[in-house]
Amino acid sequence: MTDPLDESQINTAAPVGDHGLPDLKPFPSYHNDASSTVASSEIEGDNDSDGLREREPRTRTRTNSLKTPQNEPYKDHRRRRSSSIISHVEPETFEDENDQKGLPNMNATWVDQRGAWLIHLVIIALLKLFYNLLPGITVQWSWTLTNTTYIVGFYVMFHLIKGTPFDFNGGAFDNLTMWEQIDDETLYTPTRKFLITLPIVLFLVASHYAHFTLNAFIYNFLLVLLVGVVPKLPLTHRLRISIPGITGRAQIS
């Protein structure tokens, strides 16, 4: 026989619910956490309307500060050499290479099309005809002016202007000149050899009709050497020369 429960034990026993189970209260720590969570959510709910107005200007200010021109990345992969005057364009990243090969570069592929070489000869003939029509221009000066106009115009178009007029490649050619875009930068292709040889032939023709006079010969020689041939050589490939105070960061050539 078990002893009956004392009156004190009966009084201290857990109260029994309707289903015969004792009614247990939550542990004090959990109870406190729950109440604090509810209270904090209520406080946050009350302060959301006021705090949102305070946080929005700060977010906008921070976003605007990140979009200032000083913080915007400048897409120009140039590696400086011994001085700030000479720089070299670094190879493209993996993403830029994919953009370059994604679609044909219409800015450079035309030079390999049928009739592209003939265009240069037609331009030279039209320039010669134009200078022949000008009064007071001798044969010597007409060939010298034709040589000058063609070489300088070729330099501006193929070596000075960078990028492409089309946005098919996502700006992957923005740092390259047209000469650097030709034939996927492969050197000594038939097109490149033709474009290097043509100024030399034009120089010889201009010097011949100038009767190889010293002044005309020196002028045409320096012009074809420094402007017509040297910028096309491998040693100047991706090379940029900046003149302080004249050419800016985006105008280095």
C-alpha atoms as a PDB file:
ATOM      1  CA  MET A   1       0.000   0.000   0.000  1.00  0.00           C
ATOM      2  CA  THR A   2       1.346   3.416  -0.948  1.00  0.00           C
ATOM      3  CA  ASP A   3       1.024   6.215   1.461  1.00  0.00           C
ATOM      4  CA  PRO A   4      -1.603   8.770   0.574  1.00  0.00           C
ATOM      5  CA  LEU A   5      -0.319  12.136  -0.530  1.00  0.00           C
ATOM      6  CA  ASP A   6       0.146  14.745   2.036  1.00  0.00           C
ATOM      7  CA  GLU A   7      -1.959  17.827   1.923  1.00  0.00           C
ATOM      8  CA  SER A   8       1.139  19.907   1.182  1.00  0.00           C
ATOM      9  CA  GLN A   9       1.977  17.705  -1.830  1.00  0.00           C
ATOM     10  CA  ILE A  10      -1.556  18.002  -3.117  1.00  0.00           C
ATOM     11  CA  ASN A  11      -1.441  21.751  -2.864  1.00  0.00           C
ATOM     12  CA  THR A  12       1.888  22.002  -4.680  1.00  0.00           C
ATOM     13  CA  ALA A  13       0.913  19.685  -7.527  1.00  0.00           C
ATOM     14  CA  ALA A  14       0.510  21.201 -11.002  1.00  0.00           C
ATOM     15  CA  PRO A  15      -3.064  22.174 -11.823  1.00  0.00           C
ATOM     16  CA  VAL A  16      -4.872  19.802 -14.096  1.00  0.00           C
ATOM     17  CA  GLY A  17      -6.578  21.087 -17.202  1.00  0.00           C
ATOM     18  CA  ASP A  18      -9.827  20.058 -18.805  1.00  0.00           C
ATOM     19  CA  HIS A  19      -8.234  17.118 -20.635  1.00  0.00           C
ATOM     20  CA  GLY A  20      -6.547  15.696 -17.619  1.00  0.00           C
ATOM     21  CA  LEU A  21      -3.135  17.189 -18.429  1.00  0.00           C
ATOM     22  CA  PRO A  22      -1.353  19.668 -16.233  1.00  0.00           C
ATOM     23  CA  ASP A  23      -1.429  23.269 -17.353  1.00  0.00           C
ATOM     24  CA  LEU A  24       2.218  24.174 -17.876  1.00  0.00           C
ATOM     25  CA  LYS A  25       3.390  27.736 -18.145  1.00  0.00           C
ATOM     26  CA  PRO A  26       6.168  28.664 -20.566  1.00  0.00           C
ATOM     27  CA  PHE A  27       9.673  28.861 -19.287  1.00  0.00           C
ATOM     28  CA  PRO A  28      10.343  32.384 -17.967  1.00  0.00           C
ATOM     29  CA  SER A  29      13.233  33.051 -20.379  1.00  0.00           C
ATOM     30  CA  TYR A  30      11.150  32.089 -23.419  1.00  0.00           C
ATOM     31  CA  HIS A  31       8.267  34.075 -22.093  1.00  0.00           C
ATOM     32  CA  ASN A  32      10.464  37.125 -21.715  1.00  0.00           C
ATOM     33  CA  ASP A  33      11.950  36.679 -25.200  1.00  0.00           C
ATOM     34  CA  ALA A  34       8.528  36.379 -26.739  1.00  0.00           C
ATOM     35  CA  SER A  35       7.254  39.439 -24.992  1.00  0.00           C
ATOM     36  CA  SER A  36      10.367  41.404 -25.902  1.00  0.00           C
ATOM     37  CA  THR A  37      10.049  40.274 -29.528  1.00  0.00           C
ATOM     38  CA  VAL A  38       6.446  41.377 -29.669  1.00  0.00           C
ATOM     39  CA  ALA A  39       7.294  44.642 -28.007  1.00  0.00           C
ATOM     40  CA  SER A  40      10.208  45.310 -30.319  1.00  0.00           C
ATOM     41  CA  SER A  41       8.087  44.510 -33.377  1.00  0.00           C
ATOM     42  CA  GLU A  42       5.431  46.884 -32.139  1.00  0.00           C
ATOM     43  CA  ILE A  43       8.030  49.591 -31.571  1.00  0.00           C
ATOM     44  CA  GLU A  44       9.541  49.015 -34.992  1.00  0.00           C
ATOM     45  CA  GLY A  45       6.087  49.105 -36.539  1.00  0.00           C
ATOM     46  CA  ASP A  46       5.407  52.416 -34.884  1.00  0.00           C
ATOM     47  CA  ASN A  47       8.750  53.854 -35.953  1.00  0.00           C
ATOM     48  CA  ASP A  48       8.724  52.514 -39.531  1.00  0.00           C
ATOM     49  CA  SER A  49       6.721  55.408 -40.880  1.00  0.00           C
ATOM     50  CA  ASP A  50       8.970  57.970 -39.186  1.00  0.00           C
ATOM     51  CA  GLY A  51      12.256  56.136 -39.699  1.00  0.00           C
ATOM     52  CA  LEU A  52      11.591  55.436 -43.358  1.00  0.00           C
ATOM     53  CA  ARG A  53      11.511  59.122 -44.109  1.00  0.00           C
ATOM     54  CA  GLU A  54      14.792  59.582 -42.275  1.00  0.00           C
ATOM     55  CA  ARG A  55      16.504  56.659 -43.995  1.00  0.00           C
ATOM     56  CA  GLU A  56      15.407  57.445 -47.539  1.00  0.00           C
ATOM     57  CA  PRO A  57      17.412  60.680 -47.921  1.00  0.00           C
ATOM     58  CA  ARG A  58      20.519  58.956 -46.582  1.00  0.00           C
ATOM     59  CA  THR A  59      20.100  56.107 -49.062  1.00  0.00           C
ATOM     60  CA  ARG A  60      19.595  58.501 -51.919  1.00  0.00           C
ATOM     61  CA  THR A  61      22.578  60.562 -50.849  1.00  0.00           C
ATOM     62  CA  ARG A  62      24.799  57.511 -50.683  1.00  0.00           C
ATOM     63  CA  THR A  63      23.593  56.236 -54.055  1.00  0.00           C
ATOM     64  CA  ASN A  64      24.119  59.603 -55.654  1.00  0.00           C
ATOM     65  CA  SER A  65      27.583  59.895 -54.158  1.00  0.00           C
ATOM     66  CA  LEU A  66      28.542  56.562 -55.695  1.00  0.00           C
ATOM     67  CA  LYS A  67      27.482  57.799 -59.142  1.00  0.00           C
ATOM     68  CA  THR A  68      29.636  60.874 -59.233  1.00  0.00           C
ATOM     69  CA  PRO A  69      31.937  61.264 -62.253  1.00  0.00           C
ATOM     70  CA  GLN A  70      34.960  60.859 -59.997  1.00  0.00           C
ATOM     71  CA  ASN A  71      33.835  57.378 -58.940  1.00  0.00           C
ATOM     72  CA  GLU A  72      32.692  56.160 -62.336  1.00  0.00           C
ATOM     73  CA  PRO A  73      35.200  53.695 -63.847  1.00  0.00           C
ATOM     74  CA  TYR A  74      36.909  54.912 -66.999  1.00  0.00           C
ATOM     75  CA  LYS A  75      37.194  52.115 -69.473  1.00  0.00           C
ATOM     76  CA  ASP A  76      40.676  52.708 -70.740  1.00  0.00           C
ATOM     77  CA  HIS A  77      43.240  49.939 -70.356  1.00  0.00           C
ATOM     78  CA  ARG A  78      46.449  51.899 -70.741  1.00  0.00           C
ATOM     79  CA  ARG A  79      49.662  50.931 -69.000  1.00  0.00           C
ATOM     80  CA  ARG A  80      52.099  53.751 -68.375  1.00  0.00           C
ATOM     81  CA  ARG A  81      55.726  53.235 -69.231  1.00  0.00           C
ATOM     82  CA  SER A  82      58.765  55.266 -68.214  1.00  0.00           C
ATOM     83  CA  SER A  83      56.913  58.584 -68.399  1.00  0.00           C
ATOM     84  CA  SER A  84      53.414  59.947 -68.474  1.00  0.00           C
ATOM     85  CA  ILE A  85      53.797  60.887 -72.146  1.00  0.00           C
ATOM     86  CA  ILE A  86      54.060  57.345 -73.523  1.00  0.00           C
ATOM     87  CA  SER A  87      51.553  54.643 -72.634  1.00  0.00           C
ATOM     88  CA  HIS A  88      50.590  51.255 -73.969  1.00  0.00           C
ATOM     89  CA  VAL A  89      47.109  49.784 -74.261  1.00  0.00           C
ATOM     90  CA  GLU A  90      46.899  46.577 -72.245  1.00  0.00           C
ATOM     91  CA  PRO A  91      45.283  43.396 -73.611  1.00  0.00           C
ATOM     92  CA  GLU A  92      41.532  43.148 -73.269  1.00  0.00           C
ATOM     93  CA  THR A  93      39.865  41.257 -70.465  1.00  0.00           C
ATOM     94  CA  PHE A  94      38.056  37.975 -71.015  1.00  0.00           C
ATOM     95  CA  GLU A  95      34.704  39.768 -71.170  1.00  0.00           C
ATOM     96  CA  ASP A  96      35.977  42.277 -73.750  1.00  0.00           C
ATOM     97  CA  GLU A  97      37.371  39.481 -75.910  1.00  0.00           C
ATOM     98  CA  ASN A  98      33.992  37.761 -75.891  1.00  0.00           C
ATOM     99  CA  ASP A  99      32.313  41.031 -76.889  1.00  0.00           C
ATOM    100  CA  GLN A 100      34.810  41.527 -79.711  1.00  0.00           C
ATOM    101  CA  LYS A 101      34.185  38.054 -81.102  1.00  0.00           C
ATOM    102  CA  GLY A 102      30.439  38.071 -80.539  1.00  0.00           C
ATOM    103  CA  LEU A 103      29.605  39.893 -83.786  1.00  0.00           C
ATOM    104  CA  PRO A 104      31.682  40.942 -86.809  1.00  0.00           C
ATOM    105  CA  ASN A 105      33.361  44.314 -86.435  1.00  0.00           C
ATOM    106  CA  MET A 106      31.815  46.256 -89.300  1.00  0.00           C
ATOM    107  CA  ASN A 107      34.270  49.088 -88.680  1.00  0.00           C
ATOM    108  CA  ALA A 108      37.247  46.989 -89.819  1.00  0.00           C
ATOM    109  CA  THR A 109      35.991  44.082 -91.897  1.00  0.00           C
ATOM    110  CA  TRP A 110      35.261  46.277 -94.924  1.00  0.00           C
ATOM    111  CA  VAL A 111      38.983  46.724 -95.654  1.00  0.00           C
ATOM    112  CA  ASP A 112      39.157  43.058 -96.688  1.00  0.00           C
ATOM    113  CA  GLN A 113      36.133  43.203 -98.966  1.00  0.00           C
ATOM    114  CA  ARG A 114      36.355  43.160-102.745  1.00  0.00           C
ATOM    115  CA  GLY A 115      37.102  46.607-104.118  1.00  0.00           C
ATOM    116  CA  ALA A 116      38.422  48.013-100.828  1.00  0.00           C
ATOM    117  CA  TRP A 117      41.943  48.410-102.207  1.00  0.00           C
ATOM    118  CA  LEU A 118      40.580  50.149-105.282  1.00  0.00           C
ATOM    119  CA  ILE A 119      38.952  52.803-103.092  1.00  0.00           C
ATOM    120  CA  HIS A 120      42.378  54.117-102.052  1.00  0.00           C
ATOM    121  CA  LEU A 121      43.483  54.447-105.665  1.00  0.00           C
ATOM    122  CA  VAL A 122      40.263  56.258-106.561  1.00  0.00           C
ATOM    123  CA  ILE A 123      40.734  58.686-103.657  1.00  0.00           C
ATOM    124  CA  ILE A 124      44.291  59.466-104.773  1.00  0.00           C
ATOM    125  CA  ALA A 125      43.115  60.032-108.364  1.00  0.00           C
ATOM    126  CA  LEU A 126      40.325  62.366-107.226  1.00  0.00           C
ATOM    127  CA  LEU A 127      42.730  64.343-105.042  1.00  0.00           C
ATOM    128  CA  LYS A 128      45.156  64.715-107.939  1.00  0.00           C
ATOM    129  CA  LEU A 129      42.338  65.882-110.222  1.00  0.00           C
ATOM    130  CA  PHE A 130      41.137  68.377-107.633  1.00  0.00           C
ATOM    131  CA  TYR A 131      44.563  69.976-107.199  1.00  0.00           C
ATOM    132  CA  ASN A 132      45.061  70.066-110.977  1.00  0.00           C
ATOM    133  CA  LEU A 133      41.910  72.169-111.290  1.00  0.00           C
ATOM    134  CA  LEU A 134      43.146  74.761-108.812  1.00  0.00           C
ATOM    135  CA  PRO A 135      44.731  77.758-110.554  1.00  0.00           C
ATOM    136  CA  GLY A 136      48.417  78.397-109.983  1.00  0.00           C
ATOM    137  CA  ILE A 137      49.202  74.834-108.827  1.00  0.00           C
ATOM    138  CA  THR A 138      52.097  73.232-110.688  1.00  0.00           C
ATOM    139  CA  VAL A 139      52.525  69.507-111.258  1.00  0.00           C
ATOM    140  CA  GLN A 140      55.155  69.403-108.530  1.00  0.00           C
ATOM    141  CA  TRP A 141      52.851  70.993-105.968  1.00  0.00           C
ATOM    142  CA  SER A 142      49.814  68.988-107.055  1.00  0.00           C
ATOM    143  CA  TRP A 143      51.557  65.685-106.333  1.00  0.00           C
ATOM    144  CA  THR A 144      53.001  67.017-103.079  1.00  0.00           C
ATOM    145  CA  LEU A 145      49.562  68.186-101.922  1.00  0.00           C
ATOM    146  CA  THR A 146      48.015  64.902-103.019  1.00  0.00           C
ATOM    147  CA  ASN A 147      50.605  62.988-101.024  1.00  0.00           C
ATOM    148  CA  THR A 148      50.075  65.213 -97.986  1.00  0.00           C
ATOM    149  CA  THR A 149      46.280  65.041 -98.062  1.00  0.00           C
ATOM    150  CA  TYR A 150      46.135  61.282 -98.471  1.00  0.00           C
ATOM    151  CA  ILE A 151      48.685  60.471 -95.764  1.00  0.00           C
ATOM    152  CA  VAL A 152      47.258  62.917 -93.216  1.00  0.00           C
ATOM    153  CA  GLY A 153      43.680  61.840 -93.938  1.00  0.00           C
ATOM    154  CA  PHE A 154      44.663  58.178 -93.659  1.00  0.00           C
ATOM    155  CA  TYR A 155      46.375  58.854 -90.331  1.00  0.00           C
ATOM    156  CA  VAL A 156      43.331  60.619 -88.892  1.00  0.00           C
ATOM    157  CA  MET A 157      40.972  57.867 -90.001  1.00  0.00           C
ATOM    158  CA  PHE A 158      43.082  54.796 -89.186  1.00  0.00           C
ATOM    159  CA  HIS A 159      45.350  55.921 -86.329  1.00  0.00           C
ATOM    160  CA  LEU A 160      43.755  58.842 -84.498  1.00  0.00           C
ATOM    161  CA  ILE A 161      40.054  58.019 -84.209  1.00  0.00           C
ATOM    162  CA  LYS A 162      39.323  55.196 -81.752  1.00  0.00           C
ATOM    163  CA  GLY A 163      36.335  52.958 -81.274  1.00  0.00           C
ATOM    164  CA  THR A 164      33.566  52.131 -83.708  1.00  0.00           C
ATOM    165  CA  PRO A 165      30.506  54.063 -84.904  1.00  0.00           C
ATOM    166  CA  PHE A 166      28.423  50.936 -84.235  1.00  0.00           C
ATOM    167  CA  ASP A 167      27.463  49.584 -80.819  1.00  0.00           C
ATOM    168  CA  PHE A 168      27.281  45.935 -81.811  1.00  0.00           C
ATOM    169  CA  ASN A 169      30.221  44.834 -79.634  1.00  0.00           C
ATOM    170  CA  GLY A 170      29.384  46.563 -76.360  1.00  0.00           C
ATOM    171  CA  GLY A 171      32.202  49.100 -76.583  1.00  0.00           C
ATOM    172  CA  ALA A 172      34.913  46.433 -76.647  1.00  0.00           C
ATOM    173  CA  PHE A 173      36.856  48.373 -79.323  1.00  0.00           C
ATOM    174  CA  ASP A 174      36.682  51.791 -77.653  1.00  0.00           C
ATOM    175  CA  ASN A 175      40.419  51.817 -76.887  1.00  0.00           C
ATOM    176  CA  LEU A 176      41.601  50.592 -80.296  1.00  0.00           C
ATOM    177  CA  THR A 177      42.156  52.486 -83.519  1.00  0.00           C
ATOM    178  CA  MET A 178      40.888  51.203 -86.844  1.00  0.00           C
ATOM    179  CA  TRP A 179      44.390  50.040 -87.761  1.00  0.00           C
ATOM    180  CA  GLU A 180      44.524  47.984 -84.560  1.00  0.00           C
ATOM    181  CA  GLN A 181      41.111  46.485 -85.292  1.00  0.00           C
ATOM    182  CA  ILE A 182      41.998  45.273 -88.795  1.00  0.00           C
ATOM    183  CA  ASP A 183      42.390  41.488 -89.206  1.00  0.00           C
ATOM    184  CA  ASP A 184      41.989  40.875 -85.455  1.00  0.00           C
ATOM    185  CA  GLU A 185      45.324  42.651 -84.835  1.00  0.00           C
ATOM    186  CA  THR A 186      47.198  40.163 -87.021  1.00  0.00           C
ATOM    187  CA  LEU A 187      50.329  41.831 -88.383  1.00  0.00           C
ATOM    188  CA  TYR A 188      51.632  41.652 -91.957  1.00  0.00           C
ATOM    189  CA  THR A 189      48.428  40.468 -93.562  1.00  0.00           C
ATOM    190  CA  PRO A 190      47.969  41.249 -97.290  1.00  0.00           C
ATOM    191  CA  THR A 191      45.739  44.216 -96.466  1.00  0.00           C
ATOM    192  CA  ARG A 192      48.249  45.663 -94.013  1.00  0.00           C
ATOM    193  CA  LYS A 193      51.099  45.197 -96.472  1.00  0.00           C
ATOM    194  CA  PHE A 194      49.131  47.006 -99.159  1.00  0.00           C
ATOM    195  CA  LEU A 195      48.304  49.922 -96.858  1.00  0.00           C
ATOM    196  CA  ILE A 196      51.982  50.221 -95.867  1.00  0.00           C
ATOM    197  CA  THR A 197      53.252  50.004 -99.437  1.00  0.00           C
ATOM    198  CA  LEU A 198      50.819  52.522-100.929  1.00  0.00           C
ATOM    199  CA  PRO A 199      52.182  55.620 -99.087  1.00  0.00           C
ATOM    200  CA  ILE A 200      55.721  54.639-100.063  1.00  0.00           C
ATOM    201  CA  VAL A 201      54.753  54.379-103.736  1.00  0.00           C
ATOM    202  CA  LEU A 202      52.941  57.712-103.529  1.00  0.00           C
ATOM    203  CA  PHE A 203      56.059  59.264-101.972  1.00  0.00           C
ATOM    204  CA  LEU A 204      58.205  58.017-104.857  1.00  0.00           C
ATOM    205  CA  VAL A 205      55.740  59.378-107.423  1.00  0.00           C
ATOM    206  CA  ALA A 206      55.575  62.765-105.695  1.00  0.00           C
ATOM    207  CA  SER A 207      59.377  62.926-105.483  1.00  0.00           C
ATOM    208  CA  HIS A 208      59.696  61.976-109.155  1.00  0.00           C
ATOM    209  CA  TYR A 209      57.372  64.744-110.358  1.00  0.00           C
ATOM    210  CA  ALA A 210      59.141  67.155-107.998  1.00  0.00           C
ATOM    211  CA  HIS A 211      62.385  66.249-109.811  1.00  0.00           C
ATOM    212  CA  PHE A 212      63.840  65.122-106.487  1.00  0.00           C
ATOM    213  CA  THR A 213      64.442  68.671-105.334  1.00  0.00           C
ATOM    214  CA  LEU A 214      65.937  68.751-101.873  1.00  0.00           C
ATOM    215  CA  ASN A 215      63.156  70.638-100.096  1.00  0.00           C
ATOM    216  CA  ALA A 216      60.326  68.606-101.629  1.00  0.00           C
ATOM    217  CA  PHE A 217      62.182  65.342-101.078  1.00  0.00           C
ATOM    218  CA  ILE A 218      62.863  66.045 -97.387  1.00  0.00           C
ATOM    219  CA  TYR A 219      59.277  67.151 -96.808  1.00  0.00           C
ATOM    220  CA  ASN A 220      57.719  64.126 -98.504  1.00  0.00           C
ATOM    221  CA  PHE A 221      60.199  61.740 -96.913  1.00  0.00           C
ATOM    222  CA  LEU A 222      59.555  62.935 -93.348  1.00  0.00           C
ATOM    223  CA  LEU A 223      55.824  62.943 -93.989  1.00  0.00           C
ATOM    224  CA  VAL A 224      55.657  59.396 -95.279  1.00  0.00           C
ATOM    225  CA  LEU A 225      58.084  58.110 -92.656  1.00  0.00           C
ATOM    226  CA  LEU A 226      56.615  59.676 -89.504  1.00  0.00           C
ATOM    227  CA  VAL A 227      52.950  59.749 -90.483  1.00  0.00           C
ATOM    228  CA  GLY A 228      52.543  57.139 -93.211  1.00  0.00           C
ATOM    229  CA  VAL A 229      54.780  54.216 -92.202  1.00  0.00           C
ATOM    230  CA  VAL A 230      55.947  54.354 -88.573  1.00  0.00           C
ATOM    231  CA  PRO A 231      52.408  54.309 -87.054  1.00  0.00           C
ATOM    232  CA  LYS A 232      51.777  51.056 -88.946  1.00  0.00           C
ATOM    233  CA  LEU A 233      54.848  49.194 -87.676  1.00  0.00           C
ATOM    234  CA  PRO A 234      54.656  46.575 -84.885  1.00  0.00           C
ATOM    235  CA  LEU A 235      56.788  48.702 -82.550  1.00  0.00           C
ATOM    236  CA  THR A 236      53.996  51.300 -82.399  1.00  0.00           C
ATOM    237  CA  HIS A 237      51.159  48.792 -82.082  1.00  0.00           C
ATOM    238  CA  ARG A 238      48.858  49.851 -79.199  1.00  0.00           C
ATOM    239  CA  LEU A 239      51.264  52.663 -78.411  1.00  0.00           C
ATOM    240  CA  ARG A 240      49.862  56.013 -77.311  1.00  0.00           C
ATOM    241  CA  ILE A 241      51.689  59.343 -77.164  1.00  0.00           C
ATOM    242  CA  SER A 242      50.217  62.141 -75.086  1.00  0.00           C
ATOM    243  CA  ILE A 243      51.234  65.787 -75.386  1.00  0.00           C
ATOM    244  CA  PRO A 244      50.656  67.546 -72.027  1.00  0.00           C
ATOM    245  CA  GLY A 245      48.285  70.445 -72.329  1.00  0.00           C
ATOM    246  CA  ILE A 246      47.154  69.456 -75.831  1.00  0.00           C
ATOM    247  CA  THR A 247      45.800  65.919 -75.723  1.00  0.00           C
ATOM    248  CA  GLY A 248      43.538  64.823 -72.909  1.00  0.00           C
ATOM    249  CA  ARG A 249      43.098  61.403 -71.348  1.00  0.00           C
ATOM    250  CA  ALA A 250      40.595  60.301 -73.974  1.00  0.00           C
ATOM    251  CA  GLN A 251      42.547  61.829 -76.871  1.00  0.00           C
ATOM    252  CA  ILE A 252      45.868  60.022 -76.523  1.00  0.00           C
ATOM    253  CA  SER A 253      47.042  58.825 -79.916  1.00  0.00           C
END
